[in-house]
C-alpha atoms as a PDB file:
ATOM      1  CA  GLN A   1     107.392  87.401  81.991  1.00  0.00           C
ATOM      2  CA  VAL A   2     105.089  88.847  84.595  1.00  0.00           C
ATOM      3  CA  GLN A   3     101.329  88.483  84.595  1.00  0.00           C
ATOM      4  CA  LEU A   4      99.103  90.654  86.767  1.00  0.00           C
ATOM      5  CA  VAL A   5      95.491  90.108  87.744  1.00  0.00           C
ATOM      6  CA  GLU A   6      93.310  92.602  89.575  1.00  0.00           C
ATOM      7  CA  SER A   7      90.380  91.788  91.829  1.00  0.00           C
ATOM      8  CA  GLY A   8      88.140  93.494  94.341  1.00  0.00           C
ATOM      9  CA  GLY A   9      86.171  95.790  92.085  1.00  0.00           C
ATOM     10  CA  GLY A  10      82.434  96.151  92.391  1.00  0.00           C
ATOM     11  CA  SER A  11      79.549  98.523  92.920  1.00  0.00           C
ATOM     12  CA  VAL A  12      79.234 100.704  95.993  1.00  0.00           C
ATOM     13  CA  GLN A  13      77.339 103.783  97.046  1.00  0.00           C
ATOM     14  CA  THR A  14      78.890 107.168  97.616  1.00  0.00           C
ATOM     15  CA  GLY A  15      80.987 107.110 100.753  1.00  0.00           C
ATOM     16  CA  GLY A  16      81.643 103.400 100.539  1.00  0.00           C
ATOM     17  CA  SER A  17      84.954 101.573 100.442  1.00  0.00           C
ATOM     18  CA  LEU A  18      86.634  98.977  98.286  1.00  0.00           C
ATOM     19  CA  ARG A  19      89.992  97.285  98.438  1.00  0.00           C
ATOM     20  CA  LEU A  20      91.524  96.375  95.109  1.00  0.00           C
ATOM     21  CA  SER A  21      94.155  93.672  94.865  1.00  0.00           C
ATOM     22  CA  CYS A  22      96.699  93.068  92.160  1.00  0.00           C
ATOM     23  CA  GLU A  23      98.584  89.807  92.295  1.00  0.00           C
ATOM     24  CA  TRP A  24     101.319  88.796  89.916  1.00  0.00           C
ATOM     25  CA  SER A  25     102.976  85.635  88.780  1.00  0.00           C
ATOM     26  CA  GLY A  26     106.555  85.545  87.609  1.00  0.00           C
ATOM     27  CA  ARG A  27     109.631  86.974  89.212  1.00  0.00           C
ATOM     28  CA  ILE A  28     110.253  90.608  89.937  1.00  0.00           C
ATOM     29  CA  PHE A  29     113.734  91.315  91.225  1.00  0.00           C
ATOM     30  CA  ARG A  30     114.031  95.012  90.495  1.00  0.00           C
ATOM     31  CA  PHE A  31     111.393  97.486  89.481  1.00  0.00           C
ATOM     32  CA  THR A  32     110.996 101.228  89.281  1.00  0.00           C
ATOM     33  CA  HIS A  33     107.422 101.505  90.479  1.00  0.00           C
ATOM     34  CA  MET A  34     104.049  99.851  90.930  1.00  0.00           C
ATOM     35  CA  SER A  35     100.957 101.852  90.149  1.00  0.00           C
ATOM     36  CA  TRP A  36      97.204 101.883  90.011  1.00  0.00           C
ATOM     37  CA  SER A  37      95.558 103.736  87.144  1.00  0.00           C
ATOM     38  CA  ARG A  38      91.958 104.197  86.125  1.00  0.00           C
ATOM     39  CA  GLN A  39      90.076 104.920  82.957  1.00  0.00           C
ATOM     40  CA  ALA A  40      86.517 106.124  82.799  1.00  0.00           C
ATOM     41  CA  PRO A  41      84.473 105.893  79.579  1.00  0.00           C
ATOM     42  CA  GLY A  42      85.471 108.623  77.171  1.00  0.00           C
ATOM     43  CA  SER A  43      88.423 109.678  79.312  1.00  0.00           C
ATOM     44  CA  GLN A  44      92.145 109.131  79.197  1.00  0.00           C
ATOM     45  CA  ARG A  45      93.772 106.749  81.607  1.00  0.00           C
ATOM     46  CA  GLU A  46      94.819 108.461  84.797  1.00  0.00           C
ATOM     47  CA  ARG A  47      97.438 107.230  87.229  1.00  0.00           C
ATOM     48  CA  VAL A  48      95.991 107.586  90.716  1.00  0.00           C
ATOM     49  CA  ALA A  49      98.565 105.972  93.006  1.00  0.00           C
ATOM     50  CA  THR A  50     102.194 104.947  92.680  1.00  0.00           C
ATOM     51  CA  LEU A  51     104.575 103.108  94.962  1.00  0.00           C
ATOM     52  CA  ASN A  52     108.216 103.505  94.055  1.00  0.00           C
ATOM     53  CA  ASN A  53     110.926 100.949  94.720  1.00  0.00           C
ATOM     54  CA  ARG A  54     111.709 102.606  98.038  1.00  0.00           C
ATOM     55  CA  GLY A  55     108.156 102.146  99.202  1.00  0.00           C
ATOM     56  CA  ILE A  56     107.239 105.806  98.918  1.00  0.00           C
ATOM     57  CA  PRO A  57     103.675 106.400  97.733  1.00  0.00           C
ATOM     58  CA  THR A  58     102.383 109.269  95.645  1.00  0.00           C
ATOM     59  CA  TYR A  59      98.802 110.085  94.706  1.00  0.00           C
ATOM     60  CA  VAL A  60      96.894 112.221  92.285  1.00  0.00           C
ATOM     61  CA  ASP A  61      95.340 115.161  94.112  1.00  0.00           C
ATOM     62  CA  SER A  62      91.777 113.942  93.693  1.00  0.00           C
ATOM     63  CA  VAL A  63      92.368 110.819  95.812  1.00  0.00           C
ATOM     64  CA  VAL A  64      94.695 112.176  98.496  1.00  0.00           C
ATOM     65  CA  GLY A  65      93.396 111.253 101.917  1.00  0.00           C
ATOM     66  CA  ARG A  66      90.981 108.681 100.478  1.00  0.00           C
ATOM     67  CA  PHE A  67      93.141 106.103  98.669  1.00  0.00           C
ATOM     68  CA  THR A  68      96.103 104.162 100.016  1.00  0.00           C
ATOM     69  CA  ILE A  69      98.486 102.047  97.974  1.00  0.00           C
ATOM     70  CA  SER A  70     100.400  99.278  99.701  1.00  0.00           C
ATOM     71  CA  ARG A  71     102.414  96.196  98.892  1.00  0.00           C
ATOM     72  CA  ASP A  72     102.719  92.704 100.352  1.00  0.00           C
ATOM     73  CA  THR A  73     106.044  91.235  99.305  1.00  0.00           C
ATOM     74  CA  ASP A  74     105.183  87.817 100.734  1.00  0.00           C
ATOM     75  CA  LYS A  75     102.109  87.537  98.543  1.00  0.00           C
ATOM     76  CA  ASN A  76     103.435  89.220  95.380  1.00  0.00           C
ATOM     77  CA  ALA A  77     100.610  91.711  95.570  1.00  0.00           C
ATOM     78  CA  VAL A  78      99.888  95.397  95.586  1.00  0.00           C
ATOM     79  CA  TYR A  79      96.691  96.850  96.963  1.00  0.00           C
ATOM     80  CA  LEU A  80      94.605  99.972  96.643  1.00  0.00           C
ATOM     81  CA  GLN A  81      92.390 100.781  99.603  1.00  0.00           C
ATOM     82  CA  MET A  82      89.720 103.214  98.488  1.00  0.00           C
ATOM     83  CA  ASN A  83      87.622 104.997 101.079  1.00  0.00           C
ATOM     84  CA  ASN A  84      84.942 107.667 100.852  1.00  0.00           C
ATOM     85  CA  LEU A  85      84.310 106.769  97.236  1.00  0.00           C
ATOM     86  CA  LYS A  86      82.634 109.271  94.948  1.00  0.00           C
ATOM     87  CA  PRO A  87      80.741 108.829  91.674  1.00  0.00           C
ATOM     88  CA  GLU A  88      83.679 110.402  89.841  1.00  0.00           C
ATOM     89  CA  ASP A  89      85.828 107.476  90.989  1.00  0.00           C
ATOM     90  CA  THR A  90      83.841 105.201  88.685  1.00  0.00           C
ATOM     91  CA  ALA A  91      86.277 103.639  86.213  1.00  0.00           C
ATOM     92  CA  VAL A  92      88.158 100.528  85.256  1.00  0.00           C
ATOM     93  CA  TYR A  93      91.140 100.272  87.582  1.00  0.00           C
ATOM     94  CA  SER A  94      94.339  98.619  86.415  1.00  0.00           C
ATOM     95  CA  CYS A  95      97.643  97.933  88.065  1.00  0.00           C
ATOM     96  CA  ASN A  96     101.035  97.993  86.416  1.00  0.00           C
ATOM     97  CA  VAL A  97     104.587  97.218  87.354  1.00  0.00           C
ATOM     98  CA  ASN A  98     107.598  98.608  85.532  1.00  0.00           C
ATOM     99  CA  VAL A  99     110.082  95.771  85.846  1.00  0.00           C
ATOM    100  CA  LEU A 100     113.837  96.165  85.454  1.00  0.00           C
ATOM    101  CA  SER A 101     114.870  92.566  86.087  1.00  0.00           C
ATOM    102  CA  PRO A 102     114.861  89.728  85.452  1.00  0.00           C
ATOM    103  CA  TYR A 103     112.529  90.415  82.517  1.00  0.00           C
ATOM    104  CA  PRO A 104     112.331  94.143  81.739  1.00  0.00           C
ATOM    105  CA  GLY A 105     108.987  95.494  80.735  1.00  0.00           C
ATOM    106  CA  ASN A 106     105.990  97.541  81.777  1.00  0.00           C
ATOM    107  CA  PHE A 107     103.343  94.989  82.626  1.00  0.00           C
ATOM    108  CA  TRP A 108      99.621  95.650  83.048  1.00  0.00           C
ATOM    109  CA  GLY A 109      96.681  93.718  84.370  1.00  0.00           C
ATOM    110  CA  PRO A 110      93.352  93.555  82.505  1.00  0.00           C
ATOM    111  CA  GLY A 111      91.580  95.780  85.017  1.00  0.00           C
ATOM    112  CA  THR A 112      88.632  95.619  87.379  1.00  0.00           C
ATOM    113  CA  GLN A 113      85.481  97.729  87.242  1.00  0.00           C
ATOM    114  CA  VAL A 114      84.626 100.093  90.082  1.00  0.00           C
ATOM    115  CA  THR A 115      81.205 101.728  90.019  1.00  0.00           C
ATOM    116  CA  VAL A 116      80.136 104.297  92.592  1.00  0.00           C
ATOM    117  CA  SER A 117      76.506 105.328  92.634  1.00  0.00           C
ATOM    118  CA  SER A 118      75.099 108.471  94.202  1.00  0.00           C
END
């Protein structure tokens, strides 16, 4: 099994930056993608950044040019650098990894709160 834990959330003002970290325990040999998603109160969860197994990132339009997803294979971690934050970025941010082997499954962390004030 794989367990993920996010960190790095907090409160910032508009225009500020945060770097979210997602570290996992357990082995991941093959996966399809790693992603960061967010969910604001009363809204559906939205995937904001994805890194596929070739290392190619994709982003939802609203964060292009502001967010960057990256991975550190030595530390079993994936990051989300968030710059020029806006109040509409306020949400609980969660990471997930869709694992193919050795233990297939779509694993999620509990999430970390990001609050951006105007």
